[in-house]
Each structure stands twice: as C-alpha cells, then as structure tokens.
Amino acid sequence: MVQRLIKVPKHGGPDGQGLPQVVFEELLVLIEDQSIPDDWVKQAMELCLGASLQQQWNDEFRPELLKRCIDIADK
C-alpha cells in the first residue's frame, strides 16, 4: 500500500450532522486511487471532516486515515 503525504486534521468543532460510514468508505477509496491528485483528496477530507461529529472524526475516522496517510504535521 502506498501512503499519501497529507495532513490529517483533528476535528476541533463545531459538529456537523454526522458523516455516514458509506461516505467515509468512499473517502478511503479516493485515498487508495493514486490517479486522484492529493489536492482533491485533501478537499474531500475537509468536506468529510466538516460533515462529521467531532468525536466521530477524532475517535473513529482520523485513526483510520492515519493508517493510510503519512501525516505531514508529524514531520
């Protein structure tokens, strides 16, 4: 698996309406597709973050994203 070099932000609020799992799974598909530019993936990630609940993003989704992306904030 090739990891992308992308900042994986923490959710600091306000809460969105909650992100459906199926939408998050589509984000994971975008991350895996190396033909999709990083900028598009970043935009999709920001949209998903804005729609999610803070706890949902930070506790569920962000850890999974960190497995698939190299967080440039850690560099």
PDB file of N, CA and C in Angstrom:
ATOM      1  N   MET A   1       0.848  -1.186   0.000  1.00  0.00           N
ATOM      2  CA  MET A   1       0.000   0.000   0.000  1.00  0.00           C
ATOM      3  C   MET A   1       0.890   1.246   0.000  1.00  0.00           C
ATOM      4  N   VAL A   2       0.651   2.140  -0.923  1.00  0.00           N
ATOM      5  CA  VAL A   2       1.362   3.406  -0.992  1.00  0.00           C
ATOM      6  C   VAL A   2       0.604   4.412  -0.136  1.00  0.00           C
ATOM      7  N   GLN A   3       1.347   5.057   0.758  1.00  0.00           N
ATOM      8  CA  GLN A   3       0.695   6.048   1.605  1.00  0.00           C
ATOM      9  C   GLN A   3       0.852   7.425   0.988  1.00  0.00           C
ATOM     10  N   ARG A   4      -0.177   8.245   1.174  1.00  0.00           N
ATOM     11  CA  ARG A   4      -0.125   9.624   0.701  1.00  0.00           C
ATOM     12  C   ARG A   4       0.473  10.501   1.786  1.00  0.00           C
ATOM     13  N   LEU A   5       1.153  11.549   1.374  1.00  0.00           N
ATOM     14  CA  LEU A   5       1.725  12.522   2.286  1.00  0.00           C
ATOM     15  C   LEU A   5       0.737  13.684   2.408  1.00  0.00           C
ATOM     16  N   ILE A   6      -0.175  13.559   3.374  1.00  0.00           N
ATOM     17  CA  ILE A   6      -1.280  14.512   3.529  1.00  0.00           C
ATOM     18  C   ILE A   6      -1.470  14.819   5.002  1.00  0.00           C
ATOM     19  N   LYS A   7      -1.746  16.086   5.313  1.00  0.00           N
ATOM     20  CA  LYS A   7      -2.087  16.453   6.685  1.00  0.00           C
ATOM     21  C   LYS A   7      -3.460  15.871   7.013  1.00  0.00           C
ATOM     22  N   VAL A   8      -3.535  15.156   8.119  1.00  0.00           N
ATOM     23  CA  VAL A   8      -4.807  14.582   8.581  1.00  0.00           C
ATOM     24  C   VAL A   8      -5.255  15.407   9.779  1.00  0.00           C
ATOM     25  N   PRO A   9      -6.165  16.363   9.554  1.00  0.00           N
ATOM     26  CA  PRO A   9      -6.514  17.304  10.626  1.00  0.00           C
ATOM     27  C   PRO A   9      -7.335  16.665  11.738  1.00  0.00           C
ATOM     28  N   LYS A  10      -7.211  17.260  12.921  1.00  0.00           N
ATOM     29  CA  LYS A  10      -8.097  16.914  14.027  1.00  0.00           C
ATOM     30  C   LYS A  10      -9.334  17.770  13.899  1.00  0.00           C
ATOM     31  N   HIS A  11     -10.437  17.259  14.405  1.00  0.00           N
ATOM     32  CA  HIS A  11     -11.701  17.989  14.383  1.00  0.00           C
ATOM     33  C   HIS A  11     -11.790  18.786  15.678  1.00  0.00           C
ATOM     34  N   GLY A  12     -11.893  20.091  15.547  1.00  0.00           N
ATOM     35  CA  GLY A  12     -11.985  20.954  16.718  1.00  0.00           C
ATOM     36  C   GLY A  12     -13.352  21.575  16.898  1.00  0.00           C
ATOM     37  N   GLY A  13     -14.324  21.140  16.109  1.00  0.00           N
ATOM     38  CA  GLY A  13     -15.683  21.658  16.204  1.00  0.00           C
ATOM     39  C   GLY A  13     -15.858  22.811  15.244  1.00  0.00           C
ATOM     40  N   PRO A  14     -17.050  23.265  14.994  1.00  0.00           N
ATOM     41  CA  PRO A  14     -18.302  22.708  15.523  1.00  0.00           C
ATOM     42  C   PRO A  14     -18.676  21.410  14.813  1.00  0.00           C
ATOM     43  N   ASP A  15     -19.557  20.673  15.459  1.00  0.00           N
ATOM     44  CA  ASP A  15     -20.012  19.408  14.901  1.00  0.00           C
ATOM     45  C   ASP A  15     -20.837  19.609  13.645  1.00  0.00           C
ATOM     46  N   GLY A  16     -20.656  18.700  12.711  1.00  0.00           N
ATOM     47  CA  GLY A  16     -21.539  18.618  11.562  1.00  0.00           C
ATOM     48  C   GLY A  16     -22.730  17.745  11.948  1.00  0.00           C
ATOM     49  N   GLN A  17     -23.441  17.254  10.958  1.00  0.00           N
ATOM     50  CA  GLN A  17     -24.616  16.413  11.221  1.00  0.00           C
ATOM     51  C   GLN A  17     -24.238  14.948  11.430  1.00  0.00           C
ATOM     52  N   GLY A  18     -23.003  14.615  11.223  1.00  0.00           N
ATOM     53  CA  GLY A  18     -22.564  13.223  11.313  1.00  0.00           C
ATOM     54  C   GLY A  18     -22.301  12.699   9.917  1.00  0.00           C
ATOM     55  N   LEU A  19     -21.180  12.038   9.750  1.00  0.00           N
ATOM     56  CA  LEU A  19     -20.784  11.520   8.436  1.00  0.00           C
ATOM     57  C   LEU A  19     -21.175  10.056   8.337  1.00  0.00           C
ATOM     58  N   PRO A  20     -21.980   9.697   7.346  1.00  0.00           N
ATOM     59  CA  PRO A  20     -22.333   8.287   7.169  1.00  0.00           C
ATOM     60  C   PRO A  20     -21.089   7.445   6.854  1.00  0.00           C
ATOM     61  N   GLN A  21     -21.062   6.247   7.353  1.00  0.00           N
ATOM     62  CA  GLN A  21     -19.925   5.337   7.144  1.00  0.00           C
ATOM     63  C   GLN A  21     -19.657   5.118   5.663  1.00  0.00           C
ATOM     64  N   VAL A  22     -20.709   5.039   4.856  1.00  0.00           N
ATOM     65  CA  VAL A  22     -20.532   4.794   3.422  1.00  0.00           C
ATOM     66  C   VAL A  22     -19.777   5.953   2.763  1.00  0.00           C
ATOM     67  N   VAL A  23     -19.970   7.162   3.231  1.00  0.00           N
ATOM     68  CA  VAL A  23     -19.245   8.304   2.672  1.00  0.00           C
ATOM     69  C   VAL A  23     -17.773   8.233   3.071  1.00  0.00           C
ATOM     70  N   PHE A  24     -17.518   7.856   4.320  1.00  0.00           N
ATOM     71  CA  PHE A  24     -16.129   7.703   4.761  1.00  0.00           C
ATOM     72  C   PHE A  24     -15.427   6.611   3.950  1.00  0.00           C
ATOM     73  N   GLU A  25     -16.123   5.541   3.662  1.00  0.00           N
ATOM     74  CA  GLU A  25     -15.544   4.466   2.852  1.00  0.00           C
ATOM     75  C   GLU A  25     -15.199   4.953   1.449  1.00  0.00           C
ATOM     76  N   GLU A  26     -15.996   5.861   0.908  1.00  0.00           N
ATOM     77  CA  GLU A  26     -15.687   6.443  -0.405  1.00  0.00           C
ATOM     78  C   GLU A  26     -14.434   7.311  -0.321  1.00  0.00           C
ATOM     79  N   LEU A  27     -14.251   8.005   0.807  1.00  0.00           N
ATOM     80  CA  LEU A  27     -13.026   8.774   1.004  1.00  0.00           C
ATOM     81  C   LEU A  27     -11.813   7.848   0.995  1.00  0.00           C
ATOM     82  N   LEU A  28     -11.933   6.707   1.632  1.00  0.00           N
ATOM     83  CA  LEU A  28     -10.837   5.743   1.641  1.00  0.00           C
ATOM     84  C   LEU A  28     -10.512   5.248   0.238  1.00  0.00           C
ATOM     85  N   VAL A  29     -11.536   5.077  -0.593  1.00  0.00           N
ATOM     86  CA  VAL A  29     -11.320   4.671  -1.988  1.00  0.00           C
ATOM     87  C   VAL A  29     -10.536   5.756  -2.729  1.00  0.00           C
ATOM     88  N   LEU A  30     -10.887   7.025  -2.489  1.00  0.00           N
ATOM     89  CA  LEU A  30     -10.158   8.135  -3.124  1.00  0.00           C
ATOM     90  C   LEU A  30      -8.691   8.142  -2.704  1.00  0.00           C
ATOM     91  N   ILE A  31      -8.444   7.886  -1.434  1.00  0.00           N
ATOM     92  CA  ILE A  31      -7.074   7.877  -0.933  1.00  0.00           C
ATOM     93  C   ILE A  31      -6.258   6.782  -1.603  1.00  0.00           C
ATOM     94  N   GLU A  32      -6.857   5.637  -1.796  1.00  0.00           N
ATOM     95  CA  GLU A  32      -6.150   4.497  -2.401  1.00  0.00           C
ATOM     96  C   GLU A  32      -5.897   4.683  -3.893  1.00  0.00           C
ATOM     97  N   ASP A  33      -6.719   5.477  -4.564  1.00  0.00           N
ATOM     98  CA  ASP A  33      -6.601   5.674  -6.010  1.00  0.00           C
ATOM     99  C   ASP A  33      -5.506   6.702  -6.295  1.00  0.00           C
ATOM    100  N   GLN A  34      -4.341   6.228  -6.691  1.00  0.00           N
ATOM    101  CA  GLN A  34      -3.198   7.105  -6.918  1.00  0.00           C
ATOM    102  C   GLN A  34      -3.370   8.026  -8.128  1.00  0.00           C
ATOM    103  N   SER A  35      -4.407   7.812  -8.940  1.00  0.00           N
ATOM    104  CA  SER A  35      -4.641   8.702 -10.075  1.00  0.00           C
ATOM    105  C   SER A  35      -5.367   9.981  -9.651  1.00  0.00           C
ATOM    106  N   ILE A  36      -5.886  10.000  -8.426  1.00  0.00           N
ATOM    107  CA  ILE A  36      -6.570  11.185  -7.891  1.00  0.00           C
ATOM    108  C   ILE A  36      -5.512  12.101  -7.281  1.00  0.00           C
ATOM    109  N   PRO A  37      -5.471  13.380  -7.694  1.00  0.00           N
ATOM    110  CA  PRO A  37      -4.458  14.293  -7.142  1.00  0.00           C
ATOM    111  C   PRO A  37      -4.631  14.503  -5.627  1.00  0.00           C
ATOM    112  N   ASP A  38      -3.518  14.724  -4.942  1.00  0.00           N
ATOM    113  CA  ASP A  38      -3.549  14.947  -3.499  1.00  0.00           C
ATOM    114  C   ASP A  38      -4.466  16.111  -3.112  1.00  0.00           C
ATOM    115  N   ASP A  39      -4.470  17.170  -3.919  1.00  0.00           N
ATOM    116  CA  ASP A  39      -5.320  18.324  -3.600  1.00  0.00           C
ATOM    117  C   ASP A  39      -6.794  17.938  -3.560  1.00  0.00           C
ATOM    118  N   TRP A  40      -7.210  17.068  -4.445  1.00  0.00           N
ATOM    119  CA  TRP A  40      -8.604  16.621  -4.454  1.00  0.00           C
ATOM    120  C   TRP A  40      -8.908  15.792  -3.219  1.00  0.00           C
ATOM    121  N   VAL A  41      -7.952  14.947  -2.847  1.00  0.00           N
ATOM    122  CA  VAL A  41      -8.131  14.126  -1.645  1.00  0.00           C
ATOM    123  C   VAL A  41      -8.219  15.021  -0.414  1.00  0.00           C
ATOM    124  N   LYS A  42      -7.371  16.037  -0.344  1.00  0.00           N
ATOM    125  CA  LYS A  42      -7.402  16.978   0.785  1.00  0.00           C
ATOM    126  C   LYS A  42      -8.759  17.673   0.868  1.00  0.00           C
ATOM    127  N   GLN A  43      -9.285  18.102  -0.276  1.00  0.00           N
ATOM    128  CA  GLN A  43     -10.593  18.770  -0.295  1.00  0.00           C
ATOM    129  C   GLN A  43     -11.691  17.821   0.160  1.00  0.00           C
ATOM    130  N   ALA A  44     -11.644  16.591  -0.302  1.00  0.00           N
ATOM    131  CA  ALA A  44     -12.639  15.595   0.108  1.00  0.00           C
ATOM    132  C   ALA A  44     -12.543  15.334   1.606  1.00  0.00           C
ATOM    133  N   MET A  45     -11.328  15.270   2.122  1.00  0.00           N
ATOM    134  CA  MET A  45     -11.118  15.037   3.543  1.00  0.00           C
ATOM    135  C   MET A  45     -11.691  16.196   4.368  1.00  0.00           C
ATOM    136  N   GLU A  46     -11.475  17.425   3.916  1.00  0.00           N
ATOM    137  CA  GLU A  46     -12.005  18.600   4.623  1.00  0.00           C
ATOM    138  C   GLU A  46     -13.536  18.603   4.612  1.00  0.00           C
ATOM    139  N   LEU A  47     -14.119  18.226   3.493  1.00  0.00           N
ATOM    140  CA  LEU A  47     -15.580  18.149   3.421  1.00  0.00           C
ATOM    141  C   LEU A  47     -16.123  17.093   4.380  1.00  0.00           C
ATOM    142  N   CYS A  48     -15.463  15.963   4.434  1.00  0.00           N
ATOM    143  CA  CYS A  48     -15.880  14.893   5.350  1.00  0.00           C
ATOM    144  C   CYS A  48     -15.719  15.327   6.797  1.00  0.00           C
ATOM    145  N   LEU A  49     -14.614  15.998   7.099  1.00  0.00           N
ATOM    146  CA  LEU A  49     -14.397  16.497   8.456  1.00  0.00           C
ATOM    147  C   LEU A  49     -15.515  17.458   8.852  1.00  0.00           C
ATOM    148  N   GLY A  50     -15.855  18.383   7.970  1.00  0.00           N
ATOM    149  CA  GLY A  50     -16.900  19.368   8.265  1.00  0.00           C
ATOM    150  C   GLY A  50     -18.274  18.759   8.490  1.00  0.00           C
ATOM    151  N   ALA A  51     -18.522  17.627   7.854  1.00  0.00           N
ATOM    152  CA  ALA A  51     -19.825  16.973   7.992  1.00  0.00           C
ATOM    153  C   ALA A  51     -19.893  16.065   9.218  1.00  0.00           C
ATOM    154  N   SER A  52     -18.732  15.679   9.743  1.00  0.00           N
ATOM    155  CA  SER A  52     -18.714  14.689  10.820  1.00  0.00           C
ATOM    156  C   SER A  52     -18.868  15.341  12.193  1.00  0.00           C
ATOM    157  N   LEU A  53     -19.195  14.505  13.156  1.00  0.00           N
ATOM    158  CA  LEU A  53     -19.188  14.908  14.555  1.00  0.00           C
ATOM    159  C   LEU A  53     -17.743  14.884  15.034  1.00  0.00           C
ATOM    160  N   GLN A  54     -17.405  15.762  15.969  1.00  0.00           N
ATOM    161  CA  GLN A  54     -16.026  15.838  16.452  1.00  0.00           C
ATOM    162  C   GLN A  54     -15.557  14.497  17.007  1.00  0.00           C
ATOM    163  N   GLN A  55     -16.359  13.864  17.839  1.00  0.00           N
ATOM    164  CA  GLN A  55     -15.972  12.583  18.424  1.00  0.00           C
ATOM    165  C   GLN A  55     -15.850  11.509  17.345  1.00  0.00           C
ATOM    166  N   GLN A  56     -16.774  11.514  16.401  1.00  0.00           N
ATOM    167  CA  GLN A  56     -16.759  10.544  15.305  1.00  0.00           C
ATOM    168  C   GLN A  56     -15.460  10.669  14.502  1.00  0.00           C
ATOM    169  N   TRP A  57     -15.087  11.887  14.162  1.00  0.00           N
ATOM    170  CA  TRP A  57     -13.888  12.110  13.363  1.00  0.00           C
ATOM    171  C   TRP A  57     -12.631  11.731  14.136  1.00  0.00           C
ATOM    172  N   ASN A  58     -12.488  12.288  15.346  1.00  0.00           N
ATOM    173  CA  ASN A  58     -11.252  12.113  16.112  1.00  0.00           C
ATOM    174  C   ASN A  58     -11.058  10.692  16.630  1.00  0.00           C
ATOM    175  N   ASP A  59     -12.147  10.011  16.968  1.00  0.00           N
ATOM    176  CA  ASP A  59     -12.035   8.687  17.579  1.00  0.00           C
ATOM    177  C   ASP A  59     -12.132   7.536  16.586  1.00  0.00           C
ATOM    178  N   GLU A  60     -12.855   7.750  15.489  1.00  0.00           N
ATOM    179  CA  GLU A  60     -13.083   6.666  14.517  1.00  0.00           C
ATOM    180  C   GLU A  60     -12.336   6.883  13.208  1.00  0.00           C
ATOM    181  N   PHE A  61     -12.633   8.004  12.575  1.00  0.00           N
ATOM    182  CA  PHE A  61     -12.168   8.216  11.211  1.00  0.00           C
ATOM    183  C   PHE A  61     -10.705   8.638  11.133  1.00  0.00           C
ATOM    184  N   ARG A  62     -10.269   9.555  11.962  1.00  0.00           N
ATOM    185  CA  ARG A  62      -8.889  10.035  11.898  1.00  0.00           C
ATOM    186  C   ARG A  62      -7.879   8.908  12.122  1.00  0.00           C
ATOM    187  N   PRO A  63      -8.066   8.048  13.128  1.00  0.00           N
ATOM    188  CA  PRO A  63      -7.102   6.948  13.284  1.00  0.00           C
ATOM    189  C   PRO A  63      -6.986   6.061  12.036  1.00  0.00           C
ATOM    190  N   GLU A  64      -8.099   5.817  11.373  1.00  0.00           N
ATOM    191  CA  GLU A  64      -8.061   5.015  10.138  1.00  0.00           C
ATOM    192  C   GLU A  64      -7.317   5.769   9.031  1.00  0.00           C
ATOM    193  N   LEU A  65      -7.545   7.076   8.945  1.00  0.00           N
ATOM    194  CA  LEU A  65      -6.844   7.873   7.938  1.00  0.00           C
ATOM    195  C   LEU A  65      -5.347   7.896   8.198  1.00  0.00           C
ATOM    196  N   LEU A  66      -4.960   7.940   9.460  1.00  0.00           N
ATOM    197  CA  LEU A  66      -3.537   7.959   9.797  1.00  0.00           C
ATOM    198  C   LEU A  66      -2.843   6.651   9.414  1.00  0.00           C
ATOM    199  N   LYS A  67      -3.585   5.574   9.303  1.00  0.00           N
ATOM    200  CA  LYS A  67      -3.017   4.308   8.832  1.00  0.00           C
ATOM    201  C   LYS A  67      -2.726   4.360   7.338  1.00  0.00           C
ATOM    202  N   ARG A  68      -3.468   5.185   6.623  1.00  0.00           N
ATOM    203  CA  ARG A  68      -3.381   5.219   5.160  1.00  0.00           C
ATOM    204  C   ARG A  68      -2.613   6.420   4.627  1.00  0.00           C
ATOM    205  N   CYS A  69      -2.372   7.402   5.485  1.00  0.00           N
ATOM    206  CA  CYS A  69      -1.683   8.617   5.072  1.00  0.00           C
ATOM    207  C   CYS A  69      -0.501   8.857   6.004  1.00  0.00           C
ATOM    208  N   ILE A  70       0.539   9.440   5.454  1.00  0.00           N
ATOM    209  CA  ILE A  70       1.650   9.902   6.260  1.00  0.00           C
ATOM    210  C   ILE A  70       1.320  11.357   6.597  1.00  0.00           C
ATOM    211  N   ASP A  71       1.072  11.613   7.872  1.00  0.00           N
ATOM    212  CA  ASP A  71       0.613  12.941   8.295  1.00  0.00           C
ATOM    213  C   ASP A  71       1.784  13.921   8.248  1.00  0.00           C
ATOM    214  N   ILE A  72       1.732  14.871   7.336  1.00  0.00           N
ATOM    215  CA  ILE A  72       2.830  15.836   7.203  1.00  0.00           C
ATOM    216  C   ILE A  72       2.954  16.703   8.450  1.00  0.00           C
ATOM    217  N   ALA A  73       1.943  16.775   9.272  1.00  0.00           N
ATOM    218  CA  ALA A  73       2.037  17.554  10.509  1.00  0.00           C
ATOM    219  C   ALA A  73       3.013  16.905  11.478  1.00  0.00           C
ATOM    220  N   ASP A  74       3.248  15.606  11.347  1.00  0.00           N
ATOM    221  CA  ASP A  74       4.172  14.883  12.217  1.00  0.00           C
ATOM    222  C   ASP A  74       5.614  14.991  11.757  1.00  0.00           C
ATOM    223  N   LYS A  75       5.835  15.581  10.601  1.00  0.00           N
ATOM    224  CA  LYS A  75       7.194  15.671  10.049  1.00  0.00           C
ATOM    225  C   LYS A  75       7.892  16.925  10.531  1.00  0.00           C
TER     226      LYS A  75
END
